[in-house]
Amino acid sequence: MTKAELVTAIAEKAGLNKAQAKDALQAFIDSVTSSLKAGHQVRLVGFGSFVPVRRPAGTARNPRTGETVKRPATKTARFRAGEGLKGALN
């Protein structure tokens, strides 16, 4: 599902027009992003959690050349599915 398809689905299910649905989706994305940047988890009970993760610096190997390169420390996010989502999928 693309972002445009998600906006259409939100608009249909929530009874909004597409512009309102797009604004709502963008507000959700912005809120989750700013919370993760601040180092906080975002928990949606029954759906799942977005968790900020710090990856330490280390070494990696270039698969083409086999050369070892240094990898800097980075921040990323992980999603952990909640019980409600897991139950809906199985």
N, C-alpha and C. Protein backbone atom coordinates (compact mmCIF):
# COMPACT_ATOMS: atom_id res chain seq x y z
N MET A 1 0.85 -1.17 0.00
CA MET A 1 0.00 0.00 0.00
C MET A 1 0.90 1.23 0.00
N THR A 2 0.61 2.15 -0.89
CA THR A 2 1.37 3.39 -0.96
C THR A 2 0.74 4.44 -0.05
N LYS A 3 1.44 5.55 0.11
CA LYS A 3 0.91 6.62 0.94
C LYS A 3 -0.40 7.16 0.37
N ALA A 4 -0.48 7.29 -0.96
CA ALA A 4 -1.71 7.78 -1.60
C ALA A 4 -2.87 6.81 -1.37
N GLU A 5 -2.60 5.52 -1.45
CA GLU A 5 -3.64 4.52 -1.19
C GLU A 5 -4.08 4.56 0.27
N LEU A 6 -3.14 4.78 1.17
CA LEU A 6 -3.46 4.88 2.58
C LEU A 6 -4.32 6.12 2.85
N VAL A 7 -4.00 7.23 2.22
CA VAL A 7 -4.81 8.45 2.37
C VAL A 7 -6.23 8.19 1.90
N THR A 8 -6.39 7.52 0.77
CA THR A 8 -7.72 7.20 0.24
C THR A 8 -8.48 6.30 1.21
N ALA A 9 -7.82 5.29 1.75
CA ALA A 9 -8.47 4.38 2.70
C ALA A 9 -8.89 5.11 3.97
N ILE A 10 -8.04 5.99 4.48
CA ILE A 10 -8.37 6.76 5.68
C ILE A 10 -9.57 7.66 5.40
N ALA A 11 -9.56 8.31 4.24
CA ALA A 11 -10.65 9.21 3.88
C ALA A 11 -11.98 8.47 3.82
N GLU A 12 -11.98 7.28 3.23
CA GLU A 12 -13.21 6.49 3.10
C GLU A 12 -13.71 6.00 4.46
N LYS A 13 -12.80 5.47 5.28
CA LYS A 13 -13.21 4.89 6.56
C LYS A 13 -13.58 5.93 7.61
N ALA A 14 -12.94 7.11 7.55
CA ALA A 14 -13.19 8.14 8.56
C ALA A 14 -14.21 9.18 8.10
N GLY A 15 -14.66 9.09 6.86
CA GLY A 15 -15.62 10.05 6.35
C GLY A 15 -15.02 11.44 6.15
N LEU A 16 -13.76 11.48 5.77
CA LEU A 16 -13.07 12.74 5.53
C LEU A 16 -12.84 12.91 4.03
N ASN A 17 -12.53 14.13 3.63
CA ASN A 17 -12.10 14.27 2.24
C ASN A 17 -10.61 13.95 2.19
N LYS A 18 -10.05 13.80 0.98
CA LYS A 18 -8.66 13.35 0.86
C LYS A 18 -7.68 14.36 1.44
N ALA A 19 -7.97 15.64 1.33
CA ALA A 19 -7.07 16.65 1.88
C ALA A 19 -6.99 16.54 3.40
N GLN A 20 -8.12 16.34 4.05
CA GLN A 20 -8.14 16.18 5.51
C GLN A 20 -7.41 14.90 5.92
N ALA A 21 -7.64 13.82 5.17
CA ALA A 21 -6.98 12.55 5.48
C ALA A 21 -5.47 12.68 5.29
N LYS A 22 -5.05 13.38 4.25
CA LYS A 22 -3.62 13.57 4.01
C LYS A 22 -3.00 14.39 5.14
N ASP A 23 -3.68 15.43 5.58
CA ASP A 23 -3.20 16.25 6.70
C ASP A 23 -3.11 15.43 7.98
N ALA A 24 -4.10 14.59 8.22
CA ALA A 24 -4.11 13.74 9.42
C ALA A 24 -2.95 12.75 9.39
N LEU A 25 -2.73 12.12 8.24
CA LEU A 25 -1.64 11.16 8.12
C LEU A 25 -0.30 11.86 8.30
N GLN A 26 -0.14 13.03 7.70
CA GLN A 26 1.12 13.77 7.83
C GLN A 26 1.35 14.20 9.28
N ALA A 27 0.30 14.58 9.97
CA ALA A 27 0.42 14.96 11.39
C ALA A 27 0.86 13.75 12.21
N PHE A 28 0.32 12.57 11.91
CA PHE A 28 0.71 11.35 12.60
C PHE A 28 2.19 11.05 12.36
N ILE A 29 2.61 11.12 11.10
CA ILE A 29 4.01 10.84 10.76
C ILE A 29 4.94 11.83 11.44
N ASP A 30 4.59 13.11 11.42
CA ASP A 30 5.41 14.14 12.06
C ASP A 30 5.51 13.92 13.56
N SER A 31 4.40 13.55 14.19
CA SER A 31 4.39 13.32 15.63
C SER A 31 5.24 12.12 16.03
N VAL A 32 5.13 11.04 15.28
CA VAL A 32 5.93 9.85 15.56
C VAL A 32 7.40 10.16 15.34
N THR A 33 7.73 10.86 14.27
CA THR A 33 9.11 11.19 13.97
C THR A 33 9.74 12.05 15.06
N SER A 34 9.02 13.08 15.49
CA SER A 34 9.58 13.97 16.52
C SER A 34 9.73 13.24 17.86
N SER A 35 8.81 12.35 18.17
CA SER A 35 8.91 11.59 19.41
C SER A 35 10.11 10.64 19.37
N LEU A 36 10.32 9.97 18.24
CA LEU A 36 11.46 9.06 18.10
C LEU A 36 12.77 9.83 18.13
N LYS A 37 12.80 11.02 17.51
CA LYS A 37 14.01 11.84 17.54
C LYS A 37 14.37 12.21 18.97
N ALA A 38 13.36 12.45 19.80
CA ALA A 38 13.59 12.80 21.20
C ALA A 38 13.96 11.58 22.04
N GLY A 39 13.93 10.39 21.45
CA GLY A 39 14.31 9.18 22.17
C GLY A 39 13.17 8.50 22.89
N HIS A 40 11.92 8.85 22.56
CA HIS A 40 10.75 8.27 23.22
C HIS A 40 10.10 7.21 22.34
N GLN A 41 9.52 6.21 22.98
CA GLN A 41 8.74 5.20 22.26
C GLN A 41 7.36 5.76 21.93
N VAL A 42 6.77 5.21 20.88
CA VAL A 42 5.38 5.54 20.54
C VAL A 42 4.62 4.23 20.60
N ARG A 43 3.70 4.11 21.56
CA ARG A 43 2.94 2.87 21.75
C ARG A 43 1.50 3.07 21.33
N LEU A 44 1.04 2.22 20.46
CA LEU A 44 -0.35 2.20 20.04
C LEU A 44 -0.91 0.86 20.50
N VAL A 45 -1.63 0.88 21.61
CA VAL A 45 -2.10 -0.35 22.24
C VAL A 45 -2.94 -1.15 21.24
N GLY A 46 -2.62 -2.43 21.11
CA GLY A 46 -3.32 -3.31 20.20
C GLY A 46 -2.75 -3.30 18.80
N PHE A 47 -1.93 -2.30 18.48
CA PHE A 47 -1.34 -2.22 17.13
C PHE A 47 0.15 -2.52 17.19
N GLY A 48 0.90 -1.74 17.99
CA GLY A 48 2.32 -1.97 18.09
C GLY A 48 3.05 -0.76 18.64
N SER A 49 4.37 -0.86 18.66
CA SER A 49 5.22 0.21 19.20
C SER A 49 6.33 0.54 18.22
N PHE A 50 6.59 1.84 18.10
CA PHE A 50 7.75 2.32 17.37
C PHE A 50 8.80 2.61 18.43
N VAL A 51 9.99 2.02 18.29
CA VAL A 51 11.02 2.11 19.31
C VAL A 51 12.30 2.68 18.70
N PRO A 52 12.87 3.76 19.29
CA PRO A 52 14.15 4.27 18.79
C PRO A 52 15.28 3.34 19.22
N VAL A 53 16.23 3.12 18.33
CA VAL A 53 17.34 2.21 18.59
C VAL A 53 18.64 2.89 18.18
N ARG A 54 19.65 2.77 19.04
CA ARG A 54 20.98 3.29 18.70
C ARG A 54 21.86 2.12 18.29
N ARG A 55 22.48 2.25 17.14
CA ARG A 55 23.41 1.23 16.68
C ARG A 55 24.83 1.74 16.95
N PRO A 56 25.63 1.00 17.66
CA PRO A 56 26.99 1.47 17.94
C PRO A 56 27.87 1.42 16.69
N ALA A 57 28.94 2.16 16.71
CA ALA A 57 29.90 2.12 15.60
C ALA A 57 30.52 0.73 15.56
N GLY A 58 30.96 0.34 14.40
CA GLY A 58 31.56 -0.98 14.27
C GLY A 58 32.22 -1.12 12.92
N THR A 59 32.48 -2.34 12.55
CA THR A 59 33.07 -2.60 11.25
C THR A 59 32.09 -3.41 10.42
N ALA A 60 32.16 -3.20 9.12
CA ALA A 60 31.33 -3.93 8.17
C ALA A 60 32.21 -4.38 7.02
N ARG A 61 31.69 -5.27 6.22
CA ARG A 61 32.46 -5.78 5.10
C ARG A 61 31.72 -5.46 3.80
N ASN A 62 32.44 -4.89 2.85
CA ASN A 62 31.87 -4.63 1.53
C ASN A 62 31.71 -5.97 0.82
N PRO A 63 30.47 -6.36 0.47
CA PRO A 63 30.27 -7.69 -0.11
C PRO A 63 30.92 -7.85 -1.50
N ARG A 64 31.10 -6.76 -2.22
CA ARG A 64 31.72 -6.85 -3.55
C ARG A 64 33.22 -7.08 -3.48
N THR A 65 33.87 -6.26 -2.66
CA THR A 65 35.33 -6.31 -2.62
C THR A 65 35.88 -7.08 -1.44
N GLY A 66 35.07 -7.29 -0.42
CA GLY A 66 35.55 -7.97 0.78
C GLY A 66 36.30 -7.04 1.71
N GLU A 67 36.40 -5.76 1.33
CA GLU A 67 37.12 -4.78 2.14
C GLU A 67 36.37 -4.47 3.43
N THR A 68 37.09 -4.35 4.51
CA THR A 68 36.50 -3.99 5.80
C THR A 68 36.44 -2.47 5.89
N VAL A 69 35.26 -1.96 6.27
CA VAL A 69 35.09 -0.52 6.41
C VAL A 69 34.51 -0.21 7.78
N LYS A 70 34.77 1.01 8.26
CA LYS A 70 34.22 1.43 9.55
C LYS A 70 32.81 1.95 9.33
N ARG A 71 31.92 1.53 10.21
CA ARG A 71 30.52 1.97 10.16
C ARG A 71 30.29 2.90 11.35
N PRO A 72 29.80 4.13 11.07
CA PRO A 72 29.58 5.06 12.19
C PRO A 72 28.36 4.66 13.02
N ALA A 73 28.29 5.20 14.22
CA ALA A 73 27.12 4.98 15.07
C ALA A 73 25.92 5.70 14.44
N THR A 74 24.76 5.07 14.48
CA THR A 74 23.56 5.65 13.88
C THR A 74 22.36 5.43 14.78
N LYS A 75 21.31 6.18 14.50
CA LYS A 75 20.02 5.98 15.16
C LYS A 75 19.05 5.46 14.12
N THR A 76 18.17 4.57 14.55
CA THR A 76 17.16 4.04 13.66
C THR A 76 15.91 3.76 14.48
N ALA A 77 14.87 3.28 13.83
CA ALA A 77 13.63 2.95 14.54
C ALA A 77 13.22 1.52 14.18
N ARG A 78 12.60 0.88 15.14
CA ARG A 78 12.06 -0.46 14.90
C ARG A 78 10.58 -0.45 15.26
N PHE A 79 9.85 -1.31 14.60
CA PHE A 79 8.43 -1.47 14.90
C PHE A 79 8.24 -2.85 15.49
N ARG A 80 7.55 -2.89 16.62
CA ARG A 80 7.21 -4.17 17.25
C ARG A 80 5.71 -4.32 17.20
N ALA A 81 5.24 -5.34 16.53
CA ALA A 81 3.81 -5.56 16.38
C ALA A 81 3.18 -5.93 17.72
N GLY A 82 2.00 -5.37 17.99
CA GLY A 82 1.27 -5.67 19.21
C GLY A 82 0.43 -6.93 19.05
N GLU A 83 -0.16 -7.36 20.15
CA GLU A 83 -0.94 -8.60 20.14
C GLU A 83 -2.16 -8.50 19.22
N GLY A 84 -2.81 -7.35 19.19
CA GLY A 84 -3.98 -7.18 18.33
C GLY A 84 -3.64 -7.33 16.86
N LEU A 85 -2.52 -6.75 16.44
CA LEU A 85 -2.07 -6.86 15.05
C LEU A 85 -1.65 -8.28 14.73
N LYS A 86 -0.91 -8.89 15.65
CA LYS A 86 -0.48 -10.27 15.44
C LYS A 86 -1.68 -11.21 15.31
N GLY A 87 -2.68 -10.98 16.17
CA GLY A 87 -3.88 -11.82 16.11
C GLY A 87 -4.66 -11.63 14.83
N ALA A 88 -4.70 -10.41 14.32
CA ALA A 88 -5.42 -10.14 13.08
C ALA A 88 -4.73 -10.78 11.87
N LEU A 89 -3.42 -10.92 11.95
CA LEU A 89 -2.68 -11.50 10.83
C LEU A 89 -2.67 -13.02 10.84
N ASN A 90 -2.86 -13.62 12.02
CA ASN A 90 -2.80 -15.08 12.11
C ASN A 90 -4.14 -15.71 12.30
